[in-house]
Amino acid sequence: MTSIITGDIINSRKQDSTDWIVGLKALLNTIGATPDVWEIYRGDEFQIEISDPSLSLHYALLIKSYLRSIKLDARMAIGIGDKKYNGQSISESNGSAFIHSGELFETLKRQKINLAIATASDSLNEELNLMLQLSLSFMDSWLVQSAEFVLISLQNPTLSQEEIGRLLQINQAAVSRRKSRTKFDLVLALDNYFRKKIKLLNA
């Protein structure tokens, strides 16, 4: 079982692509190499394979927080399933994970939803998508400073607030305020619950 994230940059034309593409590529390179693990195509669309499906929300949150930190956002569909054909690039590969992700992605803009998941289990989809939509009610509103905090915190889960403050060049009290403002504890709880449910799906 694998997972595929299909996405695009929302309102990408409002900024020069050089404002976001270098940072996004650097982030995606931490997952794997292009073009077999990820690709950016049609200017502002992307597809990524996350070989451990339980980590797919974690990487979606990394992408979202990076883009929110530069005043952009992404629309992303997480598809979980199999990979029946391994092409020379991710766009040439196929399987149910690709189908789930692609079909869901086509519906997101119409539904005005920025993050959702599709698996073979309708009941799991309903449960996790309700949780994701509730979380998007505040994640879609992250401002630049809040998103910077989320990104650094997700990338460095062992750092203390004092250490995060040094990276952000702010004091510990300001870090605490940003943590509260972003509802970061809820974000971590959501990610941990997501991981448990997907691991059960894969059991």
Protein backbone atom coordinates (compact mmCIF):
# COMPACT_ATOMS: atom_id res chain seq x y z
CA MET A 1 0.00 0.00 0.00
CA THR A 2 1.14 3.52 -0.78
CA SER A 3 -0.23 7.05 -0.83
CA ILE A 4 -0.36 9.70 -3.52
CA ILE A 5 -0.82 13.41 -2.94
CA THR A 6 -2.17 15.28 -5.95
CA GLY A 7 -2.31 19.03 -5.57
CA ASP A 8 -2.04 22.49 -6.99
CA ILE A 9 -1.01 25.92 -5.75
CA ILE A 10 -4.03 28.14 -5.11
CA ASN A 11 -3.85 31.54 -6.86
CA SER A 12 -0.29 30.79 -7.97
CA ARG A 13 -0.47 33.48 -10.66
CA LYS A 14 -0.65 36.16 -7.97
CA GLN A 15 3.04 35.52 -7.31
CA ASP A 16 6.06 34.85 -9.49
CA SER A 17 6.76 31.10 -9.48
CA THR A 18 10.29 31.80 -8.26
CA ASP A 19 8.70 32.95 -4.97
CA TRP A 20 7.58 29.42 -4.14
CA ILE A 21 9.04 26.80 -6.46
CA VAL A 22 12.57 26.70 -5.01
CA GLY A 23 11.30 26.23 -1.47
CA LEU A 24 8.72 23.66 -2.53
CA LYS A 25 11.30 21.65 -4.45
CA ALA A 26 13.63 21.72 -1.45
CA LEU A 27 10.82 20.41 0.75
CA LEU A 28 9.86 17.69 -1.74
CA ASN A 29 13.51 16.62 -2.05
CA THR A 30 13.37 15.60 1.63
CA ILE A 31 10.77 13.00 0.60
CA GLY A 32 12.61 11.59 -2.41
CA ALA A 33 13.90 12.33 -5.90
CA THR A 34 12.08 13.66 -8.92
CA PRO A 35 10.59 12.36 -11.18
CA ASP A 36 10.03 8.93 -9.62
CA VAL A 37 8.79 10.18 -6.21
CA TRP A 38 7.47 13.65 -7.08
CA GLU A 39 6.83 15.95 -10.03
CA ILE A 40 5.72 19.53 -10.53
CA TYR A 41 3.88 19.97 -13.82
CA ARG A 42 1.61 22.41 -15.70
CA GLY A 43 3.33 25.19 -13.81
CA ASP A 44 1.58 24.85 -10.47
CA GLU A 45 0.36 21.26 -10.08
CA PHE A 46 2.24 18.51 -8.29
CA GLN A 47 2.07 14.83 -7.46
CA ILE A 48 3.98 13.05 -4.70
CA GLU A 49 4.24 9.44 -3.58
CA ILE A 50 4.53 8.88 0.17
CA SER A 51 5.62 5.26 0.56
CA ASP A 52 4.44 5.14 4.18
CA PRO A 53 0.75 6.14 3.89
CA SER A 54 0.52 6.99 7.59
CA LEU A 55 2.90 9.92 6.97
CA SER A 56 0.91 11.43 4.10
CA LEU A 57 -0.94 13.96 6.26
CA HIS A 58 2.35 15.01 7.89
CA TYR A 59 3.81 15.88 4.49
CA ALA A 60 0.60 17.60 3.38
CA LEU A 61 0.82 19.77 6.50
CA LEU A 62 4.44 20.59 5.74
CA ILE A 63 3.48 21.71 2.24
CA LYS A 64 0.54 23.73 3.50
CA SER A 65 2.51 25.49 6.24
CA TYR A 66 5.36 26.31 3.84
CA LEU A 67 2.98 27.84 1.31
CA ARG A 68 0.98 29.72 3.96
CA SER A 69 4.29 31.18 5.18
CA ILE A 70 4.69 32.89 1.79
CA LYS A 71 1.03 33.93 1.49
CA LEU A 72 -0.05 31.05 -0.75
CA ASP A 73 -1.89 27.78 -0.16
CA ALA A 74 -2.44 24.40 -1.77
CA ARG A 75 -5.38 22.22 -2.68
CA MET A 76 -4.41 18.59 -1.98
CA ALA A 77 -6.05 15.18 -2.36
CA ILE A 78 -4.51 12.24 -0.49
CA GLY A 79 -5.21 8.89 -2.12
CA ILE A 80 -4.34 5.63 -0.39
CA GLY A 81 -4.24 2.29 -2.15
CA ASP A 82 -1.93 0.15 -4.23
CA LYS A 83 0.63 0.87 -6.94
CA LYS A 84 0.26 -1.67 -9.73
CA TYR A 85 2.65 -0.15 -12.26
CA ASN A 86 5.90 1.64 -11.48
CA GLY A 87 6.72 3.94 -14.40
CA GLN A 88 9.89 5.93 -15.06
CA SER A 89 8.15 8.92 -13.48
CA ILE A 90 5.33 9.23 -10.98
CA SER A 91 3.01 10.54 -13.71
CA GLU A 92 3.51 7.29 -15.64
CA SER A 93 2.75 5.05 -12.65
CA ASN A 94 -0.72 3.83 -11.72
CA GLY A 95 -2.81 1.90 -9.24
CA SER A 96 -5.74 2.49 -6.92
CA ALA A 97 -3.79 5.09 -4.87
CA PHE A 98 -3.41 7.20 -8.02
CA ILE A 99 -7.09 6.73 -8.94
CA HIS A 100 -8.32 7.68 -5.46
CA SER A 101 -6.11 10.77 -5.39
CA GLY A 102 -6.85 11.93 -8.94
CA GLU A 103 -10.62 11.47 -8.74
CA LEU A 104 -10.79 13.22 -5.37
CA PHE A 105 -8.61 16.08 -6.57
CA GLU A 106 -11.01 16.80 -9.41
CA THR A 107 -13.82 17.40 -6.88
CA LEU A 108 -11.97 19.62 -4.39
CA LYS A 109 -12.25 22.93 -6.24
CA ARG A 110 -15.99 22.45 -6.73
CA GLN A 111 -16.43 21.56 -3.06
CA LYS A 112 -14.19 24.48 -1.99
CA ILE A 113 -12.14 22.12 0.16
CA ASN A 114 -8.35 22.37 0.35
CA LEU A 115 -7.45 18.98 1.85
CA ALA A 116 -9.19 15.60 1.77
CA ILE A 117 -8.47 11.87 1.71
CA ALA A 118 -9.79 8.92 -0.28
CA THR A 119 -9.26 5.26 0.60
CA ALA A 120 -11.18 2.09 -0.23
CA SER A 121 -13.10 2.48 3.05
CA ASP A 122 -16.10 4.82 2.82
CA SER A 123 -16.52 4.91 6.59
CA LEU A 124 -12.87 5.87 7.15
CA ASN A 125 -13.12 8.51 4.44
CA GLU A 126 -16.17 10.03 6.10
CA GLU A 127 -14.53 10.06 9.53
CA LEU A 128 -11.15 11.49 8.50
CA ASN A 129 -12.58 14.02 6.06
CA LEU A 130 -14.88 15.42 8.72
CA MET A 131 -11.84 15.86 10.99
CA LEU A 132 -9.83 17.45 8.17
CA GLN A 133 -12.62 19.90 7.32
CA LEU A 134 -12.93 20.95 10.95
CA SER A 135 -9.17 21.48 11.12
CA LEU A 136 -9.14 23.47 7.88
CA SER A 137 -11.48 25.96 9.55
CA PHE A 138 -8.39 27.33 11.30
CA MET A 139 -5.49 25.99 9.18
CA ASP A 140 -6.76 27.82 6.08
CA SER A 141 -6.46 31.05 8.11
CA TRP A 142 -2.84 30.68 9.24
CA LEU A 143 -0.99 33.95 8.70
CA VAL A 144 2.68 34.12 7.69
CA GLN A 145 4.18 34.14 11.19
CA SER A 146 1.86 31.36 12.37
CA ALA A 147 2.65 29.20 9.35
CA GLU A 148 6.39 29.73 9.87
CA PHE A 149 6.02 28.41 13.42
CA VAL A 150 4.07 25.34 12.25
CA LEU A 151 6.61 24.56 9.52
CA ILE A 152 9.63 24.77 11.82
CA SER A 153 7.85 22.83 14.57
CA LEU A 154 6.84 20.01 12.21
CA GLN A 155 10.35 19.84 10.76
CA ASN A 156 11.98 19.87 14.21
CA PRO A 157 9.67 17.95 16.57
CA THR A 158 12.30 17.55 19.31
CA LEU A 159 13.13 21.25 19.69
CA SER A 160 12.02 23.17 22.77
CA GLN A 161 10.10 26.43 22.54
CA GLU A 162 13.31 28.28 23.41
CA GLU A 163 15.16 26.58 20.54
CA ILE A 164 12.32 27.28 18.10
CA GLY A 165 12.38 30.89 19.28
CA ARG A 166 16.05 31.17 18.40
CA LEU A 167 15.36 29.88 14.90
CA LEU A 168 12.49 32.36 14.48
CA GLN A 169 14.42 35.13 16.28
CA ILE A 170 11.62 35.64 18.81
CA ASN A 171 11.36 35.00 22.55
CA GLN A 172 9.78 31.97 24.20
CA ALA A 173 6.62 33.86 25.11
CA ALA A 174 6.05 34.77 21.44
CA VAL A 175 6.58 31.12 20.46
CA SER A 176 3.96 30.09 23.02
CA ARG A 177 1.49 32.61 21.61
CA ARG A 178 2.02 31.32 18.06
CA LYS A 179 1.58 27.75 19.26
CA SER A 180 -1.73 28.70 20.83
CA ARG A 181 -2.85 30.79 17.84
CA THR A 182 -2.21 27.96 15.36
CA LYS A 183 -3.90 25.35 17.60
CA PHE A 184 -0.72 23.35 17.10
CA ASP A 185 -1.56 20.78 19.78
CA LEU A 186 -4.74 19.96 17.84
CA VAL A 187 -2.74 19.69 14.62
CA LEU A 188 -0.41 17.15 16.24
CA ALA A 189 -3.35 15.25 17.72
CA LEU A 190 -4.98 15.08 14.28
CA ASP A 191 -1.76 13.85 12.68
CA ASN A 192 -1.24 11.20 15.37
CA TYR A 193 -4.85 9.97 15.03
CA PHE A 194 -4.50 9.89 11.23
CA ARG A 195 -1.34 7.78 11.53
CA LYS A 196 -3.06 5.26 13.83
CA LYS A 197 -6.10 4.89 11.55
CA ILE A 198 -4.00 4.44 8.39
CA LYS A 199 -1.73 1.89 10.07
CA LEU A 200 -4.84 -0.10 11.02
CA LEU A 201 -6.00 0.12 7.41
CA ASN A 202 -2.65 -1.29 6.34
CA ALA A 203 -2.63 -4.07 8.97
